Structure formats: C-alpha cells, structure tokens
N, C-alpha and C. Protein backbone atom coordinates (compact mmCIF):
# COMPACT_ATOMS: atom_id res chain seq x y z
N MET A 1 -59.95 -15.08 -122.75
CA MET A 1 -59.97 -16.32 -121.97
C MET A 1 -58.62 -16.97 -121.84
N THR A 2 -57.75 -16.74 -122.76
CA THR A 2 -56.44 -17.36 -122.70
C THR A 2 -55.63 -16.90 -121.49
N SER A 3 -56.02 -15.77 -120.90
CA SER A 3 -55.26 -15.28 -119.73
C SER A 3 -55.68 -15.97 -118.45
N LEU A 4 -56.76 -16.74 -118.48
CA LEU A 4 -57.24 -17.42 -117.27
C LEU A 4 -56.64 -18.83 -117.21
N PRO A 5 -55.75 -19.07 -116.27
CA PRO A 5 -55.14 -20.40 -116.19
C PRO A 5 -56.14 -21.45 -115.71
N LEU A 6 -56.03 -22.62 -116.32
CA LEU A 6 -56.89 -23.72 -115.96
C LEU A 6 -56.76 -24.07 -114.47
N ALA A 7 -55.57 -23.92 -113.93
CA ALA A 7 -55.33 -24.21 -112.51
C ALA A 7 -56.19 -23.37 -111.60
N GLU A 8 -56.46 -22.15 -112.01
CA GLU A 8 -57.29 -21.26 -111.21
C GLU A 8 -58.76 -21.73 -111.22
N ILE A 9 -59.22 -22.23 -112.38
CA ILE A 9 -60.54 -22.75 -112.49
C ILE A 9 -60.71 -23.99 -111.64
N VAL A 10 -59.72 -24.90 -111.73
CA VAL A 10 -59.74 -26.17 -110.96
C VAL A 10 -59.75 -25.83 -109.47
N ALA A 11 -58.92 -24.90 -109.04
CA ALA A 11 -58.86 -24.54 -107.61
C ALA A 11 -60.20 -24.00 -107.14
N TYR A 12 -60.85 -23.22 -107.95
CA TYR A 12 -62.16 -22.64 -107.61
C TYR A 12 -63.18 -23.80 -107.44
N ILE A 13 -63.17 -24.75 -108.38
CA ILE A 13 -64.10 -25.88 -108.32
C ILE A 13 -63.85 -26.70 -107.06
N ARG A 14 -62.58 -27.02 -106.80
CA ARG A 14 -62.26 -27.82 -105.63
C ARG A 14 -62.65 -27.14 -104.35
N ALA A 15 -62.47 -25.83 -104.26
CA ALA A 15 -62.81 -25.07 -103.04
C ALA A 15 -64.32 -25.09 -102.79
N ARG A 16 -65.08 -25.20 -103.85
CA ARG A 16 -66.55 -25.14 -103.69
C ARG A 16 -67.22 -26.47 -103.96
N LEU A 17 -66.47 -27.53 -103.97
CA LEU A 17 -67.01 -28.86 -104.28
C LEU A 17 -68.19 -29.24 -103.38
N PRO A 18 -68.14 -29.00 -102.04
CA PRO A 18 -69.30 -29.36 -101.21
C PRO A 18 -70.57 -28.66 -101.65
N GLU A 19 -70.44 -27.51 -102.30
CA GLU A 19 -71.64 -26.78 -102.77
C GLU A 19 -72.11 -27.26 -104.13
N ALA A 20 -71.39 -28.19 -104.74
CA ALA A 20 -71.71 -28.76 -106.03
C ALA A 20 -71.92 -27.67 -107.08
N PRO A 21 -70.86 -26.93 -107.41
CA PRO A 21 -71.05 -25.85 -108.40
C PRO A 21 -71.41 -26.39 -109.80
N ALA A 22 -72.35 -25.74 -110.41
CA ALA A 22 -72.73 -26.08 -111.78
C ALA A 22 -71.78 -25.40 -112.75
N PRO A 23 -71.58 -25.97 -113.91
CA PRO A 23 -70.68 -25.31 -114.90
C PRO A 23 -71.02 -23.85 -115.15
N GLY A 24 -72.31 -23.54 -115.18
CA GLY A 24 -72.74 -22.17 -115.41
C GLY A 24 -72.28 -21.24 -114.29
N GLU A 25 -72.30 -21.77 -113.03
CA GLU A 25 -71.85 -20.96 -111.91
C GLU A 25 -70.36 -20.68 -112.00
N VAL A 26 -69.61 -21.71 -112.37
CA VAL A 26 -68.15 -21.56 -112.49
C VAL A 26 -67.84 -20.52 -113.56
N ALA A 27 -68.50 -20.64 -114.68
CA ALA A 27 -68.29 -19.71 -115.79
C ALA A 27 -68.63 -18.29 -115.37
N ALA A 28 -69.77 -18.15 -114.70
CA ALA A 28 -70.19 -16.79 -114.27
C ALA A 28 -69.17 -16.18 -113.33
N HIS A 29 -68.64 -17.00 -112.44
CA HIS A 29 -67.63 -16.50 -111.47
C HIS A 29 -66.45 -15.88 -112.20
N PHE A 30 -66.03 -16.49 -113.28
CA PHE A 30 -64.91 -16.01 -114.03
C PHE A 30 -65.27 -15.07 -115.16
N GLY A 31 -66.57 -14.79 -115.31
CA GLY A 31 -67.01 -13.88 -116.36
C GLY A 31 -66.83 -14.44 -117.76
N ILE A 32 -67.01 -15.75 -117.91
CA ILE A 32 -66.81 -16.43 -119.15
C ILE A 32 -68.08 -17.09 -119.60
N ASN A 33 -68.33 -17.17 -120.90
CA ASN A 33 -69.45 -17.92 -121.42
C ASN A 33 -69.26 -19.39 -121.07
N ARG A 34 -70.31 -20.03 -120.57
CA ARG A 34 -70.15 -21.40 -120.06
C ARG A 34 -69.82 -22.37 -121.20
N PHE A 35 -70.27 -22.12 -122.38
CA PHE A 35 -69.95 -22.99 -123.51
C PHE A 35 -68.49 -22.88 -123.88
N MET A 36 -67.97 -21.64 -123.86
CA MET A 36 -66.54 -21.42 -124.17
C MET A 36 -65.68 -22.11 -123.10
N LEU A 37 -66.09 -21.95 -121.83
CA LEU A 37 -65.34 -22.56 -120.77
C LEU A 37 -65.35 -24.07 -120.89
N SER A 38 -66.49 -24.63 -121.17
CA SER A 38 -66.60 -26.10 -121.32
C SER A 38 -65.73 -26.61 -122.48
N ARG A 39 -65.74 -25.87 -123.60
CA ARG A 39 -64.90 -26.30 -124.75
C ARG A 39 -63.44 -26.28 -124.39
N ARG A 40 -63.03 -25.17 -123.73
CA ARG A 40 -61.62 -25.06 -123.34
C ARG A 40 -61.22 -26.13 -122.37
N PHE A 41 -62.12 -26.40 -121.39
CA PHE A 41 -61.85 -27.37 -120.38
C PHE A 41 -61.71 -28.75 -121.01
N ARG A 42 -62.58 -29.12 -121.93
CA ARG A 42 -62.51 -30.41 -122.62
C ARG A 42 -61.25 -30.51 -123.46
N THR A 43 -60.86 -29.44 -124.11
CA THR A 43 -59.65 -29.43 -124.94
C THR A 43 -58.45 -29.68 -124.10
N GLU A 44 -58.37 -29.07 -122.93
CA GLU A 44 -57.19 -29.16 -122.10
C GLU A 44 -57.14 -30.39 -121.21
N THR A 45 -58.30 -30.95 -120.85
CA THR A 45 -58.35 -32.05 -119.88
C THR A 45 -58.87 -33.37 -120.47
N GLY A 46 -59.62 -33.28 -121.58
CA GLY A 46 -60.22 -34.45 -122.14
C GLY A 46 -61.58 -34.78 -121.47
N LEU A 47 -61.99 -33.97 -120.51
CA LEU A 47 -63.25 -34.16 -119.82
C LEU A 47 -64.08 -32.86 -119.97
N SER A 48 -65.36 -33.04 -120.00
CA SER A 48 -66.21 -31.83 -119.97
C SER A 48 -66.16 -31.29 -118.55
N LEU A 49 -66.55 -30.05 -118.37
CA LEU A 49 -66.56 -29.48 -117.04
C LEU A 49 -67.50 -30.25 -116.12
N ARG A 50 -68.65 -30.64 -116.65
CA ARG A 50 -69.62 -31.40 -115.88
C ARG A 50 -69.04 -32.77 -115.46
N GLU A 51 -68.33 -33.42 -116.39
CA GLU A 51 -67.68 -34.70 -116.08
C GLU A 51 -66.63 -34.55 -114.99
N TYR A 52 -65.87 -33.49 -115.12
CA TYR A 52 -64.78 -33.23 -114.11
C TYR A 52 -65.37 -33.00 -112.73
N ILE A 53 -66.42 -32.20 -112.65
CA ILE A 53 -67.05 -31.95 -111.35
C ILE A 53 -67.64 -33.26 -110.77
N ALA A 54 -68.26 -34.08 -111.63
CA ALA A 54 -68.80 -35.34 -111.15
C ALA A 54 -67.71 -36.27 -110.65
N ALA A 55 -66.58 -36.30 -111.39
CA ALA A 55 -65.44 -37.15 -110.98
C ALA A 55 -64.90 -36.68 -109.62
N LEU A 56 -64.79 -35.40 -109.42
CA LEU A 56 -64.29 -34.88 -108.15
C LEU A 56 -65.22 -35.23 -107.01
N LYS A 57 -66.54 -35.18 -107.27
CA LYS A 57 -67.52 -35.55 -106.24
C LYS A 57 -67.33 -37.02 -105.84
N ILE A 58 -67.14 -37.85 -106.84
CA ILE A 58 -66.96 -39.30 -106.59
C ILE A 58 -65.67 -39.48 -105.78
N GLU A 59 -64.59 -38.85 -106.22
CA GLU A 59 -63.33 -38.95 -105.54
C GLU A 59 -63.46 -38.50 -104.10
N HIS A 60 -64.16 -37.43 -103.88
CA HIS A 60 -64.34 -36.86 -102.55
C HIS A 60 -65.19 -37.81 -101.68
N SER A 61 -66.13 -38.50 -102.27
CA SER A 61 -66.99 -39.42 -101.55
C SER A 61 -66.28 -40.74 -101.21
N ILE A 62 -65.33 -41.14 -102.04
CA ILE A 62 -64.64 -42.40 -101.82
C ILE A 62 -63.64 -42.35 -100.68
N ALA A 63 -63.06 -41.17 -100.47
CA ALA A 63 -62.04 -41.02 -99.43
C ALA A 63 -62.44 -41.55 -98.07
N PRO A 64 -63.65 -41.21 -97.58
CA PRO A 64 -64.06 -41.74 -96.25
C PRO A 64 -64.19 -43.27 -96.27
N LEU A 65 -64.61 -43.86 -97.38
CA LEU A 65 -64.75 -45.31 -97.46
C LEU A 65 -63.39 -45.98 -97.36
N VAL A 66 -62.43 -45.42 -98.09
CA VAL A 66 -61.09 -45.98 -98.07
C VAL A 66 -60.47 -45.89 -96.68
N ALA A 67 -60.81 -44.81 -95.99
CA ALA A 67 -60.27 -44.58 -94.64
C ALA A 67 -60.97 -45.48 -93.61
N GLY A 68 -62.07 -46.13 -94.02
CA GLY A 68 -62.81 -47.02 -93.10
C GLY A 68 -63.84 -46.30 -92.28
N ASP A 69 -64.09 -45.03 -92.61
CA ASP A 69 -65.11 -44.24 -91.92
C ASP A 69 -66.50 -44.67 -92.34
N SER A 70 -67.45 -44.54 -91.46
CA SER A 70 -68.84 -44.84 -91.75
C SER A 70 -69.41 -43.70 -92.63
N ILE A 71 -70.19 -44.05 -93.62
CA ILE A 71 -70.81 -43.07 -94.45
C ILE A 71 -72.28 -42.89 -94.18
N ILE A 72 -72.76 -43.61 -93.21
CA ILE A 72 -74.19 -43.55 -92.86
C ILE A 72 -74.41 -42.55 -91.76
C-alpha cells in the first residue's frame, strides 16, 4: 500500500464525486482492504475517508450557491 500515492486516491474520488463513491468502492478500485485504506487516509489527512468524501460533496454543493446559481 505504501506504493499508492494519496494524490491518486484523492484524484479518483474527485473524478467520481457525482457518483458518490463509498469507501469500499474506492478501496476495491485500488485493490486495497477498505479498513487499511481508511486508516492510512486518516493518518495522512486527519479525516476518515467517509468524512473526506462528505466534505467534498458539501464543497461541491456550495459552489453554485456562492456563484449565485439557483439550486432548485
């Protein structure tokens, strides 16, 4: 697992954010145990993988509001 850069995992999550990838799906894509991936992610970022995905969804949802676009 040490050979898999965190940046690659983050890029994968960002690319699939509209599909709302679950931590298990992300781990499966990289062929990693989801618990190992979550531990590594928390160690390196301070957030669990689930928390990170939720924060990205919120960030993605706020952008149209800030731009003044209608969300309805």
